[in-house]
N, C-alpha and C. Protein backbone atom coordinates (compact mmCIF):
# COMPACT_ATOMS: atom_id res chain seq x y z
N UNK A 1 11.88 4.91 -21.91
CA UNK A 1 10.68 4.31 -22.41
C UNK A 1 9.44 4.76 -21.66
N UNK A 2 9.46 4.64 -20.32
CA UNK A 2 8.27 4.98 -19.53
C UNK A 2 7.92 6.45 -19.69
N UNK A 3 8.92 7.30 -19.52
CA UNK A 3 8.68 8.74 -19.62
C UNK A 3 8.27 9.12 -21.03
N UNK A 4 8.86 8.49 -22.03
CA UNK A 4 8.50 8.77 -23.42
C UNK A 4 7.04 8.42 -23.70
N UNK A 5 6.57 7.31 -23.16
CA UNK A 5 5.16 6.94 -23.31
C UNK A 5 4.27 8.01 -22.68
N UNK A 6 4.65 8.44 -21.50
CA UNK A 6 3.86 9.45 -20.79
C UNK A 6 3.86 10.78 -21.53
N UNK A 7 5.02 11.20 -22.02
CA UNK A 7 5.10 12.44 -22.79
C UNK A 7 4.19 12.37 -24.01
N UNK A 8 4.21 11.24 -24.68
CA UNK A 8 3.37 11.05 -25.87
C UNK A 8 1.89 11.10 -25.48
N UNK A 9 1.51 10.41 -24.42
CA UNK A 9 0.11 10.37 -23.99
C UNK A 9 -0.39 11.76 -23.58
N UNK A 10 0.41 12.46 -22.82
CA UNK A 10 0.01 13.78 -22.34
C UNK A 10 0.18 14.85 -23.42
N UNK A 11 0.77 14.44 -24.54
CA UNK A 11 1.03 15.33 -25.66
C UNK A 11 1.85 16.54 -25.24
N UNK A 12 2.84 16.26 -24.40
CA UNK A 12 3.77 17.30 -23.99
C UNK A 12 4.72 17.56 -25.16
N UNK A 13 5.26 18.74 -25.20
CA UNK A 13 6.17 19.08 -26.28
C UNK A 13 7.51 18.39 -26.06
N UNK A 14 7.93 17.62 -27.08
CA UNK A 14 9.18 16.87 -26.98
C UNK A 14 10.37 17.79 -26.76
N UNK A 15 10.28 19.04 -27.23
CA UNK A 15 11.42 19.94 -27.04
C UNK A 15 11.64 20.28 -25.57
N UNK A 16 10.64 20.04 -24.74
CA UNK A 16 10.82 20.23 -23.30
C UNK A 16 11.67 19.13 -22.69
N UNK A 17 11.79 18.00 -23.41
CA UNK A 17 12.51 16.84 -22.91
C UNK A 17 13.49 16.34 -23.97
N UNK A 18 14.47 17.17 -24.37
CA UNK A 18 15.39 16.70 -25.42
C UNK A 18 16.15 15.47 -24.98
N UNK A 19 16.28 14.50 -25.91
CA UNK A 19 16.94 13.24 -25.58
C UNK A 19 18.37 13.44 -25.11
N UNK A 20 19.07 14.39 -25.70
CA UNK A 20 20.46 14.63 -25.34
C UNK A 20 20.61 15.05 -23.89
N UNK A 21 19.56 15.64 -23.34
CA UNK A 21 19.61 16.10 -21.96
C UNK A 21 18.80 15.21 -21.03
N UNK A 22 18.45 14.02 -21.49
CA UNK A 22 17.60 13.14 -20.70
C UNK A 22 18.25 12.80 -19.37
N UNK A 23 17.50 12.98 -18.31
CA UNK A 23 17.94 12.65 -16.97
C UNK A 23 16.93 11.64 -16.43
N UNK A 24 17.37 10.43 -16.05
CA UNK A 24 16.41 9.43 -15.59
C UNK A 24 15.51 9.98 -14.49
N UNK A 25 14.24 9.71 -14.63
CA UNK A 25 13.24 10.19 -13.69
C UNK A 25 13.40 9.53 -12.33
N UNK A 26 13.33 10.32 -11.27
CA UNK A 26 13.17 9.76 -9.94
C UNK A 26 11.68 9.75 -9.65
N UNK A 27 11.06 10.90 -9.81
CA UNK A 27 9.62 11.00 -9.62
C UNK A 27 9.14 12.32 -10.20
N UNK A 28 8.21 12.26 -11.13
CA UNK A 28 7.55 13.44 -11.69
C UNK A 28 6.06 13.17 -11.66
N UNK A 29 5.27 14.21 -11.40
CA UNK A 29 3.83 13.99 -11.43
C UNK A 29 3.19 14.93 -12.45
N UNK A 30 2.11 14.43 -13.02
CA UNK A 30 1.38 15.15 -14.06
C UNK A 30 -0.11 14.99 -13.80
N UNK A 31 -0.89 15.92 -14.36
CA UNK A 31 -2.34 15.83 -14.27
C UNK A 31 -2.93 15.94 -15.66
N UNK A 32 -4.03 15.23 -15.85
CA UNK A 32 -4.72 15.28 -17.15
C UNK A 32 -6.20 15.08 -16.90
N UNK A 33 -7.01 15.86 -17.58
CA UNK A 33 -8.46 15.65 -17.55
C UNK A 33 -8.78 14.58 -18.59
N UNK A 34 -9.55 13.58 -18.18
CA UNK A 34 -9.94 12.50 -19.08
C UNK A 34 -11.45 12.33 -19.00
N UNK A 35 -12.03 11.85 -20.09
CA UNK A 35 -13.46 11.56 -20.10
C UNK A 35 -13.66 10.08 -19.86
N UNK A 36 -14.42 9.76 -18.82
CA UNK A 36 -14.71 8.38 -18.47
C UNK A 36 -16.21 8.27 -18.24
N UNK A 37 -16.87 7.40 -19.00
CA UNK A 37 -18.32 7.22 -18.87
C UNK A 37 -19.06 8.56 -18.93
N UNK A 38 -18.71 9.37 -19.90
CA UNK A 38 -19.34 10.68 -20.13
C UNK A 38 -19.12 11.66 -18.99
N UNK A 39 -18.13 11.42 -18.15
CA UNK A 39 -17.78 12.36 -17.08
C UNK A 39 -16.32 12.77 -17.25
N UNK A 40 -16.03 14.03 -16.94
CA UNK A 40 -14.64 14.50 -16.96
C UNK A 40 -14.04 14.23 -15.58
N UNK A 41 -12.90 13.53 -15.58
CA UNK A 41 -12.21 13.18 -14.34
C UNK A 41 -10.82 13.79 -14.38
N UNK A 42 -10.28 14.10 -13.21
CA UNK A 42 -8.92 14.59 -13.11
C UNK A 42 -8.03 13.42 -12.74
N UNK A 43 -7.07 13.14 -13.58
CA UNK A 43 -6.17 12.00 -13.39
C UNK A 43 -4.81 12.51 -12.95
N UNK A 44 -4.30 11.98 -11.87
CA UNK A 44 -2.94 12.27 -11.41
C UNK A 44 -2.06 11.10 -11.80
N UNK A 45 -0.94 11.39 -12.46
CA UNK A 45 -0.03 10.34 -12.91
C UNK A 45 1.34 10.62 -12.32
N UNK A 46 1.91 9.60 -11.71
CA UNK A 46 3.25 9.71 -11.15
C UNK A 46 4.18 8.85 -11.99
N UNK A 47 5.15 9.49 -12.61
CA UNK A 47 6.16 8.81 -13.42
C UNK A 47 7.32 8.51 -12.47
N UNK A 48 7.60 7.24 -12.26
CA UNK A 48 8.58 6.85 -11.24
C UNK A 48 9.81 6.19 -11.84
N UNK A 49 10.85 6.13 -11.04
CA UNK A 49 12.13 5.58 -11.47
C UNK A 49 12.08 4.08 -11.64
N UNK A 50 12.74 3.61 -12.66
CA UNK A 50 12.88 2.17 -12.87
C UNK A 50 14.30 1.71 -12.55
N UNK A 51 15.20 2.64 -12.28
CA UNK A 51 16.59 2.29 -12.03
C UNK A 51 16.78 1.61 -10.68
N UNK A 52 17.75 0.74 -10.64
CA UNK A 52 18.07 -0.05 -9.44
C UNK A 52 18.32 0.83 -8.22
N UNK A 53 18.99 1.97 -8.41
CA UNK A 53 19.35 2.81 -7.26
C UNK A 53 18.14 3.44 -6.56
N UNK A 54 16.96 3.35 -7.17
CA UNK A 54 15.76 3.92 -6.54
C UNK A 54 14.82 2.86 -6.00
N UNK A 55 15.29 1.63 -5.89
CA UNK A 55 14.44 0.52 -5.40
C UNK A 55 13.87 0.80 -4.02
N UNK A 56 14.61 1.53 -3.17
CA UNK A 56 14.12 1.80 -1.82
C UNK A 56 12.84 2.63 -1.81
N UNK A 57 12.62 3.40 -2.86
CA UNK A 57 11.41 4.22 -2.93
C UNK A 57 10.20 3.44 -3.42
N UNK A 58 10.43 2.25 -3.99
CA UNK A 58 9.33 1.50 -4.59
C UNK A 58 8.21 1.18 -3.61
N UNK A 59 8.53 0.76 -2.40
CA UNK A 59 7.48 0.42 -1.44
C UNK A 59 6.54 1.60 -1.23
N UNK A 60 7.11 2.78 -1.08
CA UNK A 60 6.30 3.98 -0.87
C UNK A 60 5.40 4.22 -2.08
N UNK A 61 5.94 4.12 -3.28
CA UNK A 61 5.14 4.34 -4.48
C UNK A 61 4.05 3.29 -4.62
N UNK A 62 4.39 2.05 -4.33
CA UNK A 62 3.42 0.96 -4.47
C UNK A 62 2.24 1.16 -3.52
N UNK A 63 2.52 1.58 -2.29
CA UNK A 63 1.46 1.77 -1.29
C UNK A 63 0.40 2.76 -1.76
N UNK A 64 0.82 3.81 -2.47
CA UNK A 64 -0.12 4.87 -2.85
C UNK A 64 -0.71 4.68 -4.24
N UNK A 65 -0.54 3.51 -4.80
CA UNK A 65 -0.91 3.28 -6.20
C UNK A 65 -2.14 2.42 -6.37
N UNK A 66 -2.92 2.72 -7.40
CA UNK A 66 -4.08 1.92 -7.75
C UNK A 66 -3.91 1.18 -9.06
N UNK A 67 -3.16 1.75 -10.00
CA UNK A 67 -2.96 1.13 -11.31
C UNK A 67 -1.47 1.05 -11.60
N UNK A 68 -1.07 -0.05 -12.22
CA UNK A 68 0.34 -0.27 -12.52
C UNK A 68 0.55 -0.54 -13.99
N UNK A 69 1.48 0.18 -14.60
CA UNK A 69 1.94 -0.10 -15.96
C UNK A 69 3.41 -0.46 -15.84
N UNK A 70 3.73 -1.67 -16.21
CA UNK A 70 5.12 -2.13 -16.13
C UNK A 70 5.66 -2.16 -17.56
N UNK A 71 6.60 -1.27 -17.84
CA UNK A 71 7.09 -1.07 -19.20
C UNK A 71 8.40 -1.81 -19.41
N UNK A 72 8.49 -2.51 -20.57
CA UNK A 72 9.74 -3.17 -20.93
C UNK A 72 9.98 -3.02 -22.43
N UNK A 73 11.22 -3.25 -22.83
CA UNK A 73 11.58 -3.29 -24.24
C UNK A 73 12.19 -4.65 -24.51
N UNK A 74 11.79 -5.29 -25.60
CA UNK A 74 12.24 -6.66 -25.87
C UNK A 74 13.75 -6.77 -25.97
N UNK A 75 14.44 -5.71 -26.37
CA UNK A 75 15.90 -5.77 -26.49
C UNK A 75 16.59 -5.78 -25.13
N UNK A 76 15.87 -5.45 -24.07
CA UNK A 76 16.45 -5.41 -22.73
C UNK A 76 16.19 -6.68 -21.93
N UNK A 77 15.43 -7.61 -22.48
CA UNK A 77 15.09 -8.83 -21.76
C UNK A 77 16.26 -9.80 -21.74
N UNK A 78 16.46 -10.44 -20.60
CA UNK A 78 17.46 -11.49 -20.46
C UNK A 78 16.99 -12.69 -21.29
N UNK A 79 17.87 -13.25 -22.08
CA UNK A 79 17.47 -14.35 -22.97
C UNK A 79 17.08 -15.61 -22.20
N UNK A 80 17.73 -15.87 -21.07
CA UNK A 80 17.46 -17.08 -20.29
C UNK A 80 16.19 -16.95 -19.43
N UNK A 81 16.06 -15.83 -18.75
CA UNK A 81 14.92 -15.61 -17.85
C UNK A 81 14.33 -14.23 -18.14
N UNK A 82 13.65 -14.09 -19.27
CA UNK A 82 13.25 -12.76 -19.73
C UNK A 82 12.33 -11.99 -18.79
N UNK A 83 11.44 -12.67 -18.09
CA UNK A 83 10.46 -11.94 -17.29
C UNK A 83 10.70 -12.05 -15.79
N UNK A 84 11.86 -12.55 -15.39
CA UNK A 84 12.15 -12.70 -13.96
C UNK A 84 12.09 -11.37 -13.19
N UNK A 85 12.71 -10.27 -13.69
CA UNK A 85 12.60 -9.01 -12.95
C UNK A 85 11.16 -8.51 -12.85
N UNK A 86 10.37 -8.75 -13.88
CA UNK A 86 8.97 -8.33 -13.86
C UNK A 86 8.19 -9.18 -12.85
N UNK A 87 8.47 -10.47 -12.82
CA UNK A 87 7.82 -11.36 -11.85
C UNK A 87 8.16 -10.95 -10.43
N UNK A 88 9.42 -10.62 -10.18
CA UNK A 88 9.83 -10.15 -8.84
C UNK A 88 9.07 -8.89 -8.46
N UNK A 89 8.89 -7.99 -9.42
CA UNK A 89 8.14 -6.77 -9.16
C UNK A 89 6.67 -7.07 -8.87
N UNK A 90 6.07 -7.99 -9.61
CA UNK A 90 4.68 -8.37 -9.34
C UNK A 90 4.52 -8.94 -7.94
N UNK A 91 5.46 -9.79 -7.53
CA UNK A 91 5.42 -10.33 -6.16
C UNK A 91 5.57 -9.21 -5.13
N UNK A 92 6.44 -8.25 -5.43
CA UNK A 92 6.63 -7.14 -4.51
C UNK A 92 5.36 -6.31 -4.39
N UNK A 93 4.70 -6.07 -5.50
CA UNK A 93 3.45 -5.31 -5.48
C UNK A 93 2.42 -6.02 -4.60
N UNK A 94 2.28 -7.33 -4.78
CA UNK A 94 1.34 -8.10 -3.95
C UNK A 94 1.71 -8.02 -2.47
N UNK A 95 3.00 -8.14 -2.18
CA UNK A 95 3.46 -8.11 -0.79
C UNK A 95 3.19 -6.75 -0.15
N UNK A 96 3.58 -5.67 -0.83
CA UNK A 96 3.42 -4.33 -0.27
C UNK A 96 1.95 -3.95 -0.15
N UNK A 97 1.16 -4.27 -1.16
CA UNK A 97 -0.27 -3.93 -1.15
C UNK A 97 -1.07 -4.89 -0.27
N UNK A 98 -0.48 -6.06 0.01
CA UNK A 98 -1.16 -7.10 0.77
C UNK A 98 -2.48 -7.48 0.11
N UNK A 99 -2.45 -7.54 -1.23
CA UNK A 99 -3.61 -7.90 -2.04
C UNK A 99 -3.13 -8.72 -3.23
N UNK A 100 -4.04 -9.50 -3.80
CA UNK A 100 -3.74 -10.24 -5.02
C UNK A 100 -3.72 -9.27 -6.20
N UNK A 101 -2.98 -9.61 -7.24
CA UNK A 101 -2.89 -8.75 -8.42
C UNK A 101 -4.24 -8.49 -9.06
N UNK A 102 -5.17 -9.42 -8.93
CA UNK A 102 -6.48 -9.26 -9.54
C UNK A 102 -7.28 -8.11 -8.93
N UNK A 103 -6.84 -7.59 -7.80
CA UNK A 103 -7.57 -6.54 -7.10
C UNK A 103 -7.39 -5.16 -7.71
N UNK A 104 -6.42 -5.00 -8.61
CA UNK A 104 -6.18 -3.69 -9.22
C UNK A 104 -5.56 -3.91 -10.60
N UNK A 105 -5.72 -2.94 -11.50
CA UNK A 105 -5.21 -3.11 -12.85
C UNK A 105 -3.68 -3.10 -12.91
N UNK A 106 -3.14 -4.09 -13.61
CA UNK A 106 -1.72 -4.15 -13.92
C UNK A 106 -1.62 -4.47 -15.41
N UNK A 107 -0.88 -3.64 -16.13
CA UNK A 107 -0.69 -3.89 -17.56
C UNK A 107 0.80 -3.97 -17.85
N UNK A 108 1.19 -5.04 -18.50
CA UNK A 108 2.55 -5.20 -19.00
C UNK A 108 2.62 -4.49 -20.34
N UNK A 109 3.54 -3.54 -20.47
CA UNK A 109 3.61 -2.70 -21.65
C UNK A 109 4.92 -2.95 -22.38
N UNK A 110 4.82 -3.49 -23.58
CA UNK A 110 6.01 -3.64 -24.42
C UNK A 110 6.16 -2.36 -25.23
N UNK A 111 7.28 -1.67 -25.08
CA UNK A 111 7.54 -0.44 -25.82
C UNK A 111 8.57 -0.70 -26.92
N UNK A 112 8.72 0.24 -27.81
CA UNK A 112 9.69 0.19 -28.92
C UNK A 112 9.35 -0.88 -29.95
N UNK A 113 8.07 -1.12 -30.17
CA UNK A 113 7.72 -2.16 -31.15
C UNK A 113 8.10 -1.74 -32.57
N UNK A 114 8.30 -0.45 -32.78
CA UNK A 114 8.75 0.01 -34.09
C UNK A 114 10.19 -0.40 -34.38
N UNK A 115 10.99 -0.57 -33.33
CA UNK A 115 12.41 -0.93 -33.50
C UNK A 115 12.63 -2.44 -33.57
N UNK A 116 11.71 -3.19 -32.99
CA UNK A 116 11.87 -4.65 -32.92
C UNK A 116 10.60 -5.35 -33.42
N UNK A 117 10.26 -5.14 -34.70
CA UNK A 117 9.00 -5.69 -35.21
C UNK A 117 8.99 -7.22 -35.29
N UNK A 118 10.16 -7.84 -35.26
CA UNK A 118 10.22 -9.30 -35.38
C UNK A 118 10.20 -10.01 -34.03
N UNK A 119 10.11 -9.25 -32.94
CA UNK A 119 10.07 -9.86 -31.61
C UNK A 119 8.83 -10.75 -31.49
N UNK A 120 9.04 -11.99 -31.07
CA UNK A 120 7.93 -12.92 -30.88
C UNK A 120 7.30 -12.64 -29.52
N UNK A 121 6.20 -11.91 -29.53
CA UNK A 121 5.60 -11.44 -28.28
C UNK A 121 4.70 -12.48 -27.62
N UNK A 122 4.62 -13.69 -28.18
CA UNK A 122 3.74 -14.71 -27.57
C UNK A 122 4.17 -15.04 -26.14
N UNK A 123 5.48 -15.03 -25.88
CA UNK A 123 5.94 -15.32 -24.52
C UNK A 123 5.44 -14.26 -23.54
N UNK A 124 5.44 -13.00 -23.97
CA UNK A 124 4.94 -11.92 -23.12
C UNK A 124 3.43 -12.07 -22.91
N UNK A 125 2.71 -12.42 -23.95
CA UNK A 125 1.26 -12.64 -23.84
C UNK A 125 0.98 -13.78 -22.86
N UNK A 126 1.72 -14.88 -23.00
CA UNK A 126 1.54 -16.03 -22.10
C UNK A 126 1.86 -15.65 -20.66
N UNK A 127 2.93 -14.88 -20.46
CA UNK A 127 3.31 -14.43 -19.11
C UNK A 127 2.18 -13.59 -18.52
N UNK A 128 1.65 -12.65 -19.30
CA UNK A 128 0.57 -11.79 -18.82
C UNK A 128 -0.67 -12.61 -18.46
N UNK A 129 -1.04 -13.55 -19.32
CA UNK A 129 -2.21 -14.40 -19.04
C UNK A 129 -2.01 -15.22 -17.78
N UNK A 130 -0.82 -15.80 -17.63
CA UNK A 130 -0.51 -16.63 -16.47
C UNK A 130 -0.68 -15.86 -15.16
N UNK A 131 -0.34 -14.58 -15.18
CA UNK A 131 -0.38 -13.77 -13.96
C UNK A 131 -1.62 -12.88 -13.88
N UNK A 132 -2.54 -13.03 -14.81
CA UNK A 132 -3.79 -12.28 -14.75
C UNK A 132 -3.63 -10.79 -14.94
N UNK A 133 -2.66 -10.39 -15.76
CA UNK A 133 -2.44 -8.97 -16.01
C UNK A 133 -2.66 -8.69 -17.50
N UNK A 134 -2.84 -7.42 -17.83
CA UNK A 134 -3.03 -7.04 -19.21
C UNK A 134 -1.70 -6.97 -19.96
N UNK A 135 -1.79 -6.82 -21.27
CA UNK A 135 -0.60 -6.71 -22.11
C UNK A 135 -0.94 -5.82 -23.31
N UNK A 136 -0.10 -4.80 -23.54
CA UNK A 136 -0.28 -3.92 -24.68
C UNK A 136 1.09 -3.65 -25.30
N UNK A 137 1.16 -3.68 -26.63
CA UNK A 137 2.40 -3.38 -27.36
C UNK A 137 2.32 -1.92 -27.83
N UNK A 138 3.38 -1.12 -27.58
CA UNK A 138 3.36 0.30 -27.91
C UNK A 138 4.66 0.75 -28.57
N UNK A 139 4.59 1.94 -29.13
CA UNK A 139 5.78 2.65 -29.58
C UNK A 139 5.61 4.11 -29.17
N UNK A 140 6.42 4.56 -28.24
CA UNK A 140 6.37 5.96 -27.85
C UNK A 140 6.85 6.84 -29.01
N UNK A 141 7.78 6.32 -29.80
CA UNK A 141 8.33 7.09 -30.92
C UNK A 141 7.27 7.40 -31.98
N UNK A 142 6.46 6.40 -32.33
CA UNK A 142 5.45 6.60 -33.37
C UNK A 142 4.07 6.94 -32.81
N UNK A 143 3.88 6.68 -31.52
CA UNK A 143 2.58 6.90 -30.89
C UNK A 143 1.66 5.70 -30.99
N UNK A 144 2.12 4.63 -31.62
CA UNK A 144 1.27 3.46 -31.83
C UNK A 144 0.80 2.87 -30.49
N UNK A 145 -0.51 2.76 -30.36
CA UNK A 145 -1.19 2.14 -29.22
C UNK A 145 -1.03 2.89 -27.89
N UNK A 146 -0.51 4.11 -27.90
CA UNK A 146 -0.36 4.85 -26.64
C UNK A 146 -1.73 5.19 -26.06
N UNK A 147 -2.61 5.77 -26.87
CA UNK A 147 -3.95 6.09 -26.37
C UNK A 147 -4.70 4.81 -26.00
N UNK A 148 -4.54 3.76 -26.80
CA UNK A 148 -5.17 2.47 -26.50
C UNK A 148 -4.74 1.95 -25.13
N UNK A 149 -3.46 2.08 -24.82
CA UNK A 149 -2.93 1.63 -23.53
C UNK A 149 -3.68 2.30 -22.38
N UNK A 150 -3.81 3.60 -22.44
CA UNK A 150 -4.48 4.32 -21.35
C UNK A 150 -5.98 4.06 -21.36
N UNK A 151 -6.59 3.91 -22.54
CA UNK A 151 -8.01 3.56 -22.60
C UNK A 151 -8.26 2.21 -21.93
N UNK A 152 -7.41 1.23 -22.21
CA UNK A 152 -7.55 -0.09 -21.59
C UNK A 152 -7.40 0.01 -20.08
N UNK A 153 -6.42 0.81 -19.63
CA UNK A 153 -6.21 0.98 -18.20
C UNK A 153 -7.46 1.59 -17.56
N UNK A 154 -8.00 2.64 -18.17
CA UNK A 154 -9.20 3.28 -17.60
C UNK A 154 -10.38 2.34 -17.59
N UNK A 155 -10.59 1.62 -18.71
CA UNK A 155 -11.71 0.68 -18.78
C UNK A 155 -11.63 -0.33 -17.64
N UNK A 156 -10.47 -0.90 -17.45
CA UNK A 156 -10.28 -1.92 -16.42
C UNK A 156 -10.43 -1.32 -15.03
N UNK A 157 -9.81 -0.18 -14.86
CA UNK A 157 -9.80 0.47 -13.56
C UNK A 157 -11.20 0.87 -13.11
N UNK A 158 -11.93 1.58 -13.97
CA UNK A 158 -13.24 2.08 -13.57
C UNK A 158 -14.31 1.00 -13.58
N UNK A 159 -14.11 -0.03 -14.37
CA UNK A 159 -15.08 -1.14 -14.39
C UNK A 159 -14.97 -1.99 -13.14
N UNK A 160 -13.80 -2.02 -12.52
CA UNK A 160 -13.56 -2.93 -11.41
C UNK A 160 -13.32 -2.25 -10.08
N UNK A 161 -13.69 -0.99 -9.96
CA UNK A 161 -13.47 -0.33 -8.68
C UNK A 161 -14.59 0.65 -8.39
N UNK A 162 -14.80 0.86 -7.14
CA UNK A 162 -15.76 1.86 -6.68
C UNK A 162 -14.93 3.07 -6.26
N UNK A 163 -14.98 4.14 -7.04
CA UNK A 163 -14.10 5.27 -6.78
C UNK A 163 -14.32 5.88 -5.41
N UNK A 164 -15.49 5.72 -4.83
CA UNK A 164 -15.69 6.26 -3.49
C UNK A 164 -15.11 5.34 -2.42
N UNK A 165 -14.92 4.08 -2.76
CA UNK A 165 -14.40 3.12 -1.79
C UNK A 165 -12.89 3.17 -1.68
N UNK A 166 -12.21 3.51 -2.76
CA UNK A 166 -10.75 3.52 -2.76
C UNK A 166 -10.28 4.90 -3.16
N UNK A 167 -9.84 5.66 -2.24
CA UNK A 167 -9.34 7.00 -2.57
C UNK A 167 -7.87 7.10 -2.23
N UNK A 168 -7.08 6.18 -2.70
CA UNK A 168 -5.64 6.28 -2.56
C UNK A 168 -5.03 6.27 -3.95
N UNK A 169 -3.82 6.78 -4.10
CA UNK A 169 -3.19 6.87 -5.42
C UNK A 169 -2.72 5.54 -5.97
N UNK A 170 -1.88 5.58 -6.98
CA UNK A 170 -1.40 4.37 -7.65
C UNK A 170 -0.07 4.60 -8.32
N UNK A 171 0.59 3.54 -8.71
CA UNK A 171 1.95 3.61 -9.23
C UNK A 171 2.26 2.59 -10.29
N UNK A 172 3.39 2.73 -10.85
CA UNK A 172 3.98 1.77 -11.76
C UNK A 172 5.46 2.00 -11.70
N UNK A 173 6.24 0.97 -11.84
CA UNK A 173 7.67 1.23 -11.96
C UNK A 173 7.85 2.01 -13.24
N UNK A 174 7.24 3.04 -13.31
CA UNK A 174 7.14 3.89 -14.45
C UNK A 174 6.02 4.86 -14.22
N UNK A 175 4.88 4.37 -13.81
CA UNK A 175 3.77 5.26 -13.62
C UNK A 175 3.05 4.98 -12.33
N UNK A 176 2.65 6.03 -11.68
CA UNK A 176 1.77 5.96 -10.55
C UNK A 176 0.55 6.73 -11.00
N UNK A 177 -0.50 6.06 -11.33
CA UNK A 177 -1.70 6.71 -11.84
C UNK A 177 -2.67 6.88 -10.69
N UNK A 178 -2.93 8.11 -10.29
CA UNK A 178 -3.82 8.35 -9.16
C UNK A 178 -5.28 8.35 -9.61
N UNK A 179 -6.13 8.02 -8.69
CA UNK A 179 -7.57 7.95 -8.95
C UNK A 179 -8.05 9.26 -9.57
N UNK A 180 -8.71 9.14 -10.68
CA UNK A 180 -9.31 10.32 -11.30
C UNK A 180 -10.50 10.74 -10.44
N UNK A 181 -10.67 12.03 -10.29
CA UNK A 181 -11.75 12.53 -9.44
C UNK A 181 -12.78 13.25 -10.25
């Protein structure tokens, strides 16, 4: 899901990443020029592992991160405690960064909305509001809301930070988006 969103956003050729040969990402980095406030910026994006076996690397990724996109699919949520792993991750981000979540952009990203159109996303919206984070519904397969997701991230990021004051990178249990220069 995370890598598919990134491939779609960067408009990389899908044939470079055939599904049959998919290997879970440990860490890949990409660069993209983006226009922000009529200026061209260079954006560094780190696509990071979401698998349990790479949890030890999370602290390192979190330390160097400014923006977080936490990607989930409604079919993977636990029915009893659907957002518990996400909540644990949010607490970990606060602990490692030693800052409140409001200090940097965090967006909860629901992927695969094309496969689960009947999912009642109000619980996800309520969770995001409760924790002061954004929420965007996407489909990497169809491209729905992929550009919107990154536009929202940039709007929030650049509106709430002084790029000269914070020159450290950023992450997501999926993406580490480095400060555009």
